[in-house]
All heavy atoms as atom14 arrays in JSON, in Angstrom:
{
  "sequence": "ALDGELDRVELQWDRRTALAVVMAAPGYPEAPRLGDAI",
  "atom14_mask": [
    [1, 1, 1, 1, 1, 0, 0, 0, 0, 0, 0, 0, 0, 0],
    [1, 1, 1, 1, 1, 1, 1, 1, 0, 0, 0, 0, 0, 0],
    [1, 1, 1, 1, 1, 1, 1, 1, 0, 0, 0, 0, 0, 0],
    [1, 1, 1, 1, 0, 0, 0, 0, 0, 0, 0, 0, 0, 0],
    [1, 1, 1, 1, 1, 1, 1, 1, 1, 0, 0, 0, 0, 0],
    [1, 1, 1, 1, 1, 1, 1, 1, 0, 0, 0, 0, 0, 0],
    [1, 1, 1, 1, 1, 1, 1, 1, 0, 0, 0, 0, 0, 0],
    [1, 1, 1, 1, 1, 1, 1, 1, 1, 1, 1, 0, 0, 0],
    [1, 1, 1, 1, 1, 1, 1, 0, 0, 0, 0, 0, 0, 0],
    [1, 1, 1, 1, 1, 1, 1, 1, 1, 0, 0, 0, 0, 0],
    [1, 1, 1, 1, 1, 1, 1, 1, 0, 0, 0, 0, 0, 0],
    [1, 1, 1, 1, 1, 1, 1, 1, 1, 0, 0, 0, 0, 0],
    [1, 1, 1, 1, 1, 1, 1, 1, 1, 1, 1, 1, 1, 1],
    [1, 1, 1, 1, 1, 1, 1, 1, 0, 0, 0, 0, 0, 0],
    [1, 1, 1, 1, 1, 1, 1, 1, 1, 1, 1, 0, 0, 0],
    [1, 1, 1, 1, 1, 1, 1, 1, 1, 1, 1, 0, 0, 0],
    [1, 1, 1, 1, 1, 1, 1, 0, 0, 0, 0, 0, 0, 0],
    [1, 1, 1, 1, 1, 0, 0, 0, 0, 0, 0, 0, 0, 0],
    [1, 1, 1, 1, 1, 1, 1, 1, 0, 0, 0, 0, 0, 0],
    [1, 1, 1, 1, 1, 0, 0, 0, 0, 0, 0, 0, 0, 0],
    [1, 1, 1, 1, 1, 1, 1, 0, 0, 0, 0, 0, 0, 0],
    [1, 1, 1, 1, 1, 1, 1, 0, 0, 0, 0, 0, 0, 0],
    [1, 1, 1, 1, 1, 1, 1, 1, 0, 0, 0, 0, 0, 0],
    [1, 1, 1, 1, 1, 0, 0, 0, 0, 0, 0, 0, 0, 0],
    [1, 1, 1, 1, 1, 0, 0, 0, 0, 0, 0, 0, 0, 0],
    [1, 1, 1, 1, 1, 1, 1, 0, 0, 0, 0, 0, 0, 0],
    [1, 1, 1, 1, 0, 0, 0, 0, 0, 0, 0, 0, 0, 0],
    [1, 1, 1, 1, 1, 1, 1, 1, 1, 1, 1, 1, 0, 0],
    [1, 1, 1, 1, 1, 1, 1, 0, 0, 0, 0, 0, 0, 0],
    [1, 1, 1, 1, 1, 1, 1, 1, 1, 0, 0, 0, 0, 0],
    [1, 1, 1, 1, 1, 0, 0, 0, 0, 0, 0, 0, 0, 0],
    [1, 1, 1, 1, 1, 1, 1, 0, 0, 0, 0, 0, 0, 0],
    [1, 1, 1, 1, 1, 1, 1, 1, 1, 1, 1, 0, 0, 0],
    [1, 1, 1, 1, 1, 1, 1, 1, 0, 0, 0, 0, 0, 0],
    [1, 1, 1, 1, 0, 0, 0, 0, 0, 0, 0, 0, 0, 0],
    [1, 1, 1, 1, 1, 1, 1, 1, 0, 0, 0, 0, 0, 0],
    [1, 1, 1, 1, 1, 0, 0, 0, 0, 0, 0, 0, 0, 0],
    [1, 1, 1, 1, 1, 1, 1, 1, 0, 0, 0, 0, 0, 0]
  ],
  "atom14_positions": [
    [[15.34, -3.15, -46.19], [13.92, -2.91, -46.19], [13.65, -1.42, -46.41], [12.74, -1.03, -47.17], [13.29, -3.35, -44.86], [0.0, 0.0, 0.0], [0.0, 0.0, 0.0], [0.0, 0.0, 0.0], [0.0, 0.0, 0.0], [0.0, 0.0, 0.0], [0.0, 0.0, 0.0], [0.0, 0.0, 0.0], [0.0, 0.0, 0.0], [0.0, 0.0, 0.0]],
    [[14.41, -0.54, -45.71], [14.18, 0.88, -45.88], [14.55, 1.39, -47.27], [14.08, 2.42, -47.73], [15.02, 1.65, -44.82], [14.44, 1.58, -43.37], [15.45, 2.04, -42.34], [13.2, 2.45, -43.28], [0.0, 0.0, 0.0], [0.0, 0.0, 0.0], [0.0, 0.0, 0.0], [0.0, 0.0, 0.0], [0.0, 0.0, 0.0], [0.0, 0.0, 0.0]],
    [[15.43, 0.61, -47.94], [15.77, 0.95, -49.31], [14.83, 0.32, -50.35], [15.06, 0.39, -51.56], [17.24, 0.56, -49.61], [18.22, 1.43, -48.82], [17.87, 2.55, -48.39], [19.35, 0.91, -48.55], [0.0, 0.0, 0.0], [0.0, 0.0, 0.0], [0.0, 0.0, 0.0], [0.0, 0.0, 0.0], [0.0, 0.0, 0.0], [0.0, 0.0, 0.0]],
    [[13.81, -0.41, -49.85], [12.89, -1.04, -50.77], [13.45, -2.27, -51.45], [12.98, -2.64, -52.56], [0.0, 0.0, 0.0], [0.0, 0.0, 0.0], [0.0, 0.0, 0.0], [0.0, 0.0, 0.0], [0.0, 0.0, 0.0], [0.0, 0.0, 0.0], [0.0, 0.0, 0.0], [0.0, 0.0, 0.0], [0.0, 0.0, 0.0], [0.0, 0.0, 0.0]],
    [[14.38, -2.92, -50.79], [15.06, -4.08, -51.43], [14.93, -5.38, -50.63], [15.85, -6.21, -50.59], [16.61, -3.73, -51.62], [16.81, -2.53, -52.5], [18.27, -2.16, -52.62], [19.06, -2.71, -51.83], [18.6, -1.33, -53.5], [0.0, 0.0, 0.0], [0.0, 0.0, 0.0], [0.0, 0.0, 0.0], [0.0, 0.0, 0.0], [0.0, 0.0, 0.0]],
    [[13.78, -5.56, -50.03], [13.57, -6.79, -49.23], [13.61, -8.04, -50.13], [13.87, -9.16, -49.67], [12.23, -6.77, -48.5], [12.26, -6.17, -47.09], [10.88, -6.22, -46.53], [13.22, -6.9, -46.2], [0.0, 0.0, 0.0], [0.0, 0.0, 0.0], [0.0, 0.0, 0.0], [0.0, 0.0, 0.0], [0.0, 0.0, 0.0], [0.0, 0.0, 0.0]],
    [[13.33, -7.87, -51.43], [13.31, -8.99, -52.36], [14.72, -9.59, -52.48], [14.92, -10.69, -53.02], [12.75, -8.61, -53.71], [13.42, -7.45, -54.33], [13.92, -6.52, -53.62], [13.52, -7.38, -55.58], [0.0, 0.0, 0.0], [0.0, 0.0, 0.0], [0.0, 0.0, 0.0], [0.0, 0.0, 0.0], [0.0, 0.0, 0.0], [0.0, 0.0, 0.0]],
    [[15.76, -8.83, -52.08], [17.15, -9.33, -52.22], [17.66, -10.0, -50.92], [18.78, -10.44, -50.86], [18.08, -8.17, -52.53], [17.7, -7.46, -53.86], [18.69, -6.42, -54.21], [18.35, -5.69, -55.44], [19.08, -4.76, -55.97], [20.24, -4.35, -55.42], [18.72, -4.15, -57.08], [0.0, 0.0, 0.0], [0.0, 0.0, 0.0], [0.0, 0.0, 0.0]],
    [[16.84, -10.06, -49.9], [17.25, -10.56, -48.58], [16.78, -12.01, -48.37], [15.62, -12.34, -48.68], [16.69, -9.67, -47.44], [17.06, -10.21, -46.09], [17.19, -8.25, -47.62], [0.0, 0.0, 0.0], [0.0, 0.0, 0.0], [0.0, 0.0, 0.0], [0.0, 0.0, 0.0], [0.0, 0.0, 0.0], [0.0, 0.0, 0.0], [0.0, 0.0, 0.0]],
    [[17.63, -12.8, -47.88], [17.32, -14.19, -47.43], [17.75, -14.34, -45.98], [18.91, -14.19, -45.62], [18.01, -15.24, -48.32], [17.6, -16.66, -47.99], [18.19, -17.69, -48.96], [18.64, -17.24, -50.04], [18.22, -18.89, -48.59], [0.0, 0.0, 0.0], [0.0, 0.0, 0.0], [0.0, 0.0, 0.0], [0.0, 0.0, 0.0], [0.0, 0.0, 0.0]],
    [[16.8, -14.61, -45.15], [17.1, -14.71, -43.7], [17.67, -16.06, -43.35], [17.32, -17.1, -43.92], [15.83, -14.48, -42.89], [15.16, -13.11, -43.03], [13.89, -13.1, -42.23], [16.11, -11.96, -42.59], [0.0, 0.0, 0.0], [0.0, 0.0, 0.0], [0.0, 0.0, 0.0], [0.0, 0.0, 0.0], [0.0, 0.0, 0.0], [0.0, 0.0, 0.0]],
    [[18.56, -16.06, -42.38], [19.23, -17.27, -41.9], [18.71, -17.53, -40.48], [18.73, -16.62, -39.61], [20.75, -17.16, -41.86], [21.37, -16.84, -43.26], [21.11, -17.94, -44.26], [21.18, -19.12, -43.94], [20.73, -17.53, -45.5], [0.0, 0.0, 0.0], [0.0, 0.0, 0.0], [0.0, 0.0, 0.0], [0.0, 0.0, 0.0], [0.0, 0.0, 0.0]],
    [[18.32, -18.78, -40.21], [17.73, -19.11, -38.94], [18.43, -20.25, -38.22], [18.93, -21.15, -38.87], [16.23, -19.57, -39.13], [15.39, -18.48, -39.7], [15.01, -18.3, -40.98], [14.81, -17.38, -38.93], [14.24, -17.17, -41.14], [14.08, -16.58, -39.88], [14.84, -17.0, -37.6], [13.41, -15.45, -39.51], [14.15, -15.86, -37.24], [13.43, -15.08, -38.15]],
    [[18.51, -20.18, -36.91], [18.94, -21.3, -36.09], [17.9, -22.38, -36.23], [16.7, -22.12, -36.12], [19.1, -20.84, -34.64], [19.84, -21.86, -33.78], [19.45, -23.06, -33.81], [20.79, -21.49, -33.04], [0.0, 0.0, 0.0], [0.0, 0.0, 0.0], [0.0, 0.0, 0.0], [0.0, 0.0, 0.0], [0.0, 0.0, 0.0], [0.0, 0.0, 0.0]],
    [[18.32, -23.6, -36.49], [17.34, -24.69, -36.71], [16.61, -25.09, -35.43], [15.6, -25.72, -35.44], [18.07, -25.91, -37.23], [19.14, -26.44, -36.31], [19.77, -27.79, -36.75], [20.76, -28.2, -35.8], [20.47, -28.83, -34.69], [19.23, -29.06, -34.31], [21.45, -29.23, -33.88], [0.0, 0.0, 0.0], [0.0, 0.0, 0.0], [0.0, 0.0, 0.0]],
    [[17.14, -24.66, -34.26], [16.55, -25.06, -32.98], [15.27, -24.32, -32.69], [14.97, -23.3, -33.31], [17.57, -24.87, -31.87], [18.8, -25.82, -31.92], [19.82, -25.43, -30.84], [20.45, -24.12, -31.09], [21.27, -23.53, -30.28], [21.61, -24.1, -29.13], [21.81, -22.33, -30.59], [0.0, 0.0, 0.0], [0.0, 0.0, 0.0], [0.0, 0.0, 0.0]],
    [[14.57, -24.82, -31.72], [13.34, -24.15, -31.21], [13.77, -23.13, -30.12], [14.68, -23.38, -29.32], [12.38, -25.13, -30.56], [11.92, -26.04, -31.6], [11.22, -24.49, -29.85], [0.0, 0.0, 0.0], [0.0, 0.0, 0.0], [0.0, 0.0, 0.0], [0.0, 0.0, 0.0], [0.0, 0.0, 0.0], [0.0, 0.0, 0.0], [0.0, 0.0, 0.0]],
    [[13.09, -21.99, -30.09], [13.25, -21.04, -29.01], [11.92, -20.88, -28.28], [10.86, -20.87, -28.88], [13.75, -19.68, -29.54], [0.0, 0.0, 0.0], [0.0, 0.0, 0.0], [0.0, 0.0, 0.0], [0.0, 0.0, 0.0], [0.0, 0.0, 0.0], [0.0, 0.0, 0.0], [0.0, 0.0, 0.0], [0.0, 0.0, 0.0], [0.0, 0.0, 0.0]],
    [[12.0, -20.8, -26.98], [10.8, -20.73, -26.14], [10.98, -19.69, -25.02], [12.04, -19.66, -24.4], [10.44, -22.1, -25.56], [9.16, -22.24, -24.76], [8.53, -23.65, -25.06], [9.43, -22.1, -23.28], [0.0, 0.0, 0.0], [0.0, 0.0, 0.0], [0.0, 0.0, 0.0], [0.0, 0.0, 0.0], [0.0, 0.0, 0.0], [0.0, 0.0, 0.0]],
    [[9.93, -18.82, -24.86], [10.01, -17.78, -23.81], [8.9, -17.97, -22.83], [7.74, -18.24, -23.16], [9.88, -16.43, -24.48], [0.0, 0.0, 0.0], [0.0, 0.0, 0.0], [0.0, 0.0, 0.0], [0.0, 0.0, 0.0], [0.0, 0.0, 0.0], [0.0, 0.0, 0.0], [0.0, 0.0, 0.0], [0.0, 0.0, 0.0], [0.0, 0.0, 0.0]],
    [[9.26, -17.87, -21.54], [8.29, -17.97, -20.43], [8.21, -16.56, -19.8], [9.22, -16.03, -19.35], [8.7, -18.99, -19.36], [7.7, -18.99, -18.22], [8.82, -20.37, -20.0], [0.0, 0.0, 0.0], [0.0, 0.0, 0.0], [0.0, 0.0, 0.0], [0.0, 0.0, 0.0], [0.0, 0.0, 0.0], [0.0, 0.0, 0.0], [0.0, 0.0, 0.0]],
    [[7.05, -15.97, -19.8], [6.81, -14.64, -19.18], [6.57, -14.76, -17.68], [5.79, -15.62, -17.28], [5.66, -13.92, -19.89], [5.27, -12.67, -19.08], [6.0, -13.55, -21.31], [0.0, 0.0, 0.0], [0.0, 0.0, 0.0], [0.0, 0.0, 0.0], [0.0, 0.0, 0.0], [0.0, 0.0, 0.0], [0.0, 0.0, 0.0], [0.0, 0.0, 0.0]],
    [[7.27, -13.94, -16.92], [7.07, -13.85, -15.47], [6.35, -12.53, -15.19], [6.84, -11.48, -15.54], [8.39, -13.95, -14.75], [9.16, -15.25, -15.14], [10.71, -15.4, -14.18], [10.01, -15.86, -12.58], [0.0, 0.0, 0.0], [0.0, 0.0, 0.0], [0.0, 0.0, 0.0], [0.0, 0.0, 0.0], [0.0, 0.0, 0.0], [0.0, 0.0, 0.0]],
    [[5.14, -12.62, -14.59], [4.29, -11.45, -14.42], [4.18, -11.08, -12.98], [4.43, -11.85, -12.06], [2.89, -11.73, -15.0], [0.0, 0.0, 0.0], [0.0, 0.0, 0.0], [0.0, 0.0, 0.0], [0.0, 0.0, 0.0], [0.0, 0.0, 0.0], [0.0, 0.0, 0.0], [0.0, 0.0, 0.0], [0.0, 0.0, 0.0], [0.0, 0.0, 0.0]],
    [[3.8, -9.83, -12.76], [3.61, -9.29, -11.42], [2.33, -9.81, -10.78], [1.39, -10.19, -11.48], [3.56, -7.74, -11.48], [0.0, 0.0, 0.0], [0.0, 0.0, 0.0], [0.0, 0.0, 0.0], [0.0, 0.0, 0.0], [0.0, 0.0, 0.0], [0.0, 0.0, 0.0], [0.0, 0.0, 0.0], [0.0, 0.0, 0.0], [0.0, 0.0, 0.0]],
    [[2.27, -9.84, -9.45], [1.06, -10.27, -8.81], [-0.08, -9.3, -9.13], [0.15, -8.07, -9.29], [1.4, -10.17, -7.28], [2.58, -9.26, -7.24], [3.33, -9.5, -8.46], [0.0, 0.0, 0.0], [0.0, 0.0, 0.0], [0.0, 0.0, 0.0], [0.0, 0.0, 0.0], [0.0, 0.0, 0.0], [0.0, 0.0, 0.0], [0.0, 0.0, 0.0]],
    [[-1.27, -9.85, -9.38], [-2.41, -9.01, -9.78], [-2.57, -8.77, -11.23], [-3.57, -8.24, -11.68], [0.0, 0.0, 0.0], [0.0, 0.0, 0.0], [0.0, 0.0, 0.0], [0.0, 0.0, 0.0], [0.0, 0.0, 0.0], [0.0, 0.0, 0.0], [0.0, 0.0, 0.0], [0.0, 0.0, 0.0], [0.0, 0.0, 0.0], [0.0, 0.0, 0.0]],
    [[-1.57, -9.18, -12.04], [-1.65, -9.04, -13.48], [-2.71, -10.01, -14.01], [-2.78, -11.14, -13.52], [-0.3, -9.34, -14.14], [-0.28, -9.28, -15.63], [-0.27, -8.06, -16.29], [-0.31, -10.43, -16.43], [-0.27, -7.94, -17.69], [-0.31, -10.36, -17.79], [-0.26, -9.14, -18.42], [-0.29, -9.07, -19.8], [0.0, 0.0, 0.0], [0.0, 0.0, 0.0]],
    [[-3.56, -9.67, -14.99], [-3.53, -8.43, -15.82], [-4.42, -7.32, -15.25], [-4.32, -6.17, -15.7], [-4.02, -8.93, -17.13], [-5.03, -9.98, -16.81], [-4.45, -10.67, -15.59], [0.0, 0.0, 0.0], [0.0, 0.0, 0.0], [0.0, 0.0, 0.0], [0.0, 0.0, 0.0], [0.0, 0.0, 0.0], [0.0, 0.0, 0.0], [0.0, 0.0, 0.0]],
    [[-5.3, -7.59, -14.28], [-6.3, -6.6, -13.87], [-5.63, -5.4, -13.12], [-5.85, -4.26, -13.47], [-7.36, -7.23, -12.99], [-8.33, -8.14, -13.73], [-7.8, -9.57, -13.81], [-6.69, -9.83, -13.26], [-8.47, -10.43, -14.37], [0.0, 0.0, 0.0], [0.0, 0.0, 0.0], [0.0, 0.0, 0.0], [0.0, 0.0, 0.0], [0.0, 0.0, 0.0]],
    [[-4.83, -5.75, -12.1], [-4.25, -4.69, -11.24], [-2.87, -5.1, -10.76], [-2.71, -5.5, -9.59], [-5.21, -4.37, -10.06], [0.0, 0.0, 0.0], [0.0, 0.0, 0.0], [0.0, 0.0, 0.0], [0.0, 0.0, 0.0], [0.0, 0.0, 0.0], [0.0, 0.0, 0.0], [0.0, 0.0, 0.0], [0.0, 0.0, 0.0], [0.0, 0.0, 0.0]],
    [[-1.87, -5.06, -11.65], [-0.55, -5.56, -11.23], [0.06, -4.68, -10.12], [-0.06, -3.45, -10.18], [0.23, -5.47, -12.57], [-0.47, -4.46, -13.39], [-1.9, -4.6, -13.07], [0.0, 0.0, 0.0], [0.0, 0.0, 0.0], [0.0, 0.0, 0.0], [0.0, 0.0, 0.0], [0.0, 0.0, 0.0], [0.0, 0.0, 0.0], [0.0, 0.0, 0.0]],
    [[0.71, -5.36, -9.19], [1.43, -4.67, -8.14], [2.85, -4.39, -8.64], [3.49, -5.22, -9.15], [1.46, -5.51, -6.85], [2.06, -4.74, -5.66], [2.11, -5.64, -4.43], [3.19, -6.62, -4.5], [3.14, -7.85, -3.9], [2.01, -8.2, -3.22], [4.13, -8.68, -4.0], [0.0, 0.0, 0.0], [0.0, 0.0, 0.0], [0.0, 0.0, 0.0]],
    [[3.3, -3.15, -8.43], [4.61, -2.73, -8.97], [5.53, -2.43, -7.8], [5.14, -2.22, -6.65], [4.46, -1.49, -9.85], [3.4, -1.54, -10.91], [3.39, -0.27, -11.76], [3.55, -2.75, -11.82], [0.0, 0.0, 0.0], [0.0, 0.0, 0.0], [0.0, 0.0, 0.0], [0.0, 0.0, 0.0], [0.0, 0.0, 0.0], [0.0, 0.0, 0.0]],
    [[6.83, -2.39, -8.1], [7.82, -1.99, -7.11], [8.52, -3.07, -6.33], [9.34, -2.8, -5.51], [0.0, 0.0, 0.0], [0.0, 0.0, 0.0], [0.0, 0.0, 0.0], [0.0, 0.0, 0.0], [0.0, 0.0, 0.0], [0.0, 0.0, 0.0], [0.0, 0.0, 0.0], [0.0, 0.0, 0.0], [0.0, 0.0, 0.0], [0.0, 0.0, 0.0]],
    [[8.2, -4.33, -6.6], [8.85, -5.47, -5.91], [10.29, -5.62, -6.4], [10.57, -5.55, -7.56], [8.08, -6.77, -6.1], [6.73, -6.79, -5.4], [6.75, -6.61, -4.15], [5.71, -6.99, -6.03], [0.0, 0.0, 0.0], [0.0, 0.0, 0.0], [0.0, 0.0, 0.0], [0.0, 0.0, 0.0], [0.0, 0.0, 0.0], [0.0, 0.0, 0.0]],
    [[11.2, -5.91, -5.47], [12.58, -6.16, -5.79], [12.7, -7.53, -6.48], [12.01, -8.49, -6.13], [13.45, -6.15, -4.52], [0.0, 0.0, 0.0], [0.0, 0.0, 0.0], [0.0, 0.0, 0.0], [0.0, 0.0, 0.0], [0.0, 0.0, 0.0], [0.0, 0.0, 0.0], [0.0, 0.0, 0.0], [0.0, 0.0, 0.0], [0.0, 0.0, 0.0]],
    [[13.62, -7.62, -7.44], [13.79, -8.81, -8.28], [15.2, -9.32, -8.14], [16.15, -8.53, -8.2], [13.49, -8.48, -9.74], [12.13, -7.84, -9.96], [13.63, -9.73, -10.6], [11.95, -7.2, -11.3], [0.0, 0.0, 0.0], [0.0, 0.0, 0.0], [0.0, 0.0, 0.0], [0.0, 0.0, 0.0], [0.0, 0.0, 0.0], [0.0, 0.0, 0.0]]
  ]
}
């Protein structure tokens, strides 16, 4: 891409689905509490 050659690239993908679950702090999004041990 930095060489301007993206037209030569073909991406390879895992056929499976990927899924992400976000774990957020208490009070998020207005006033999240920070510093809790995980």
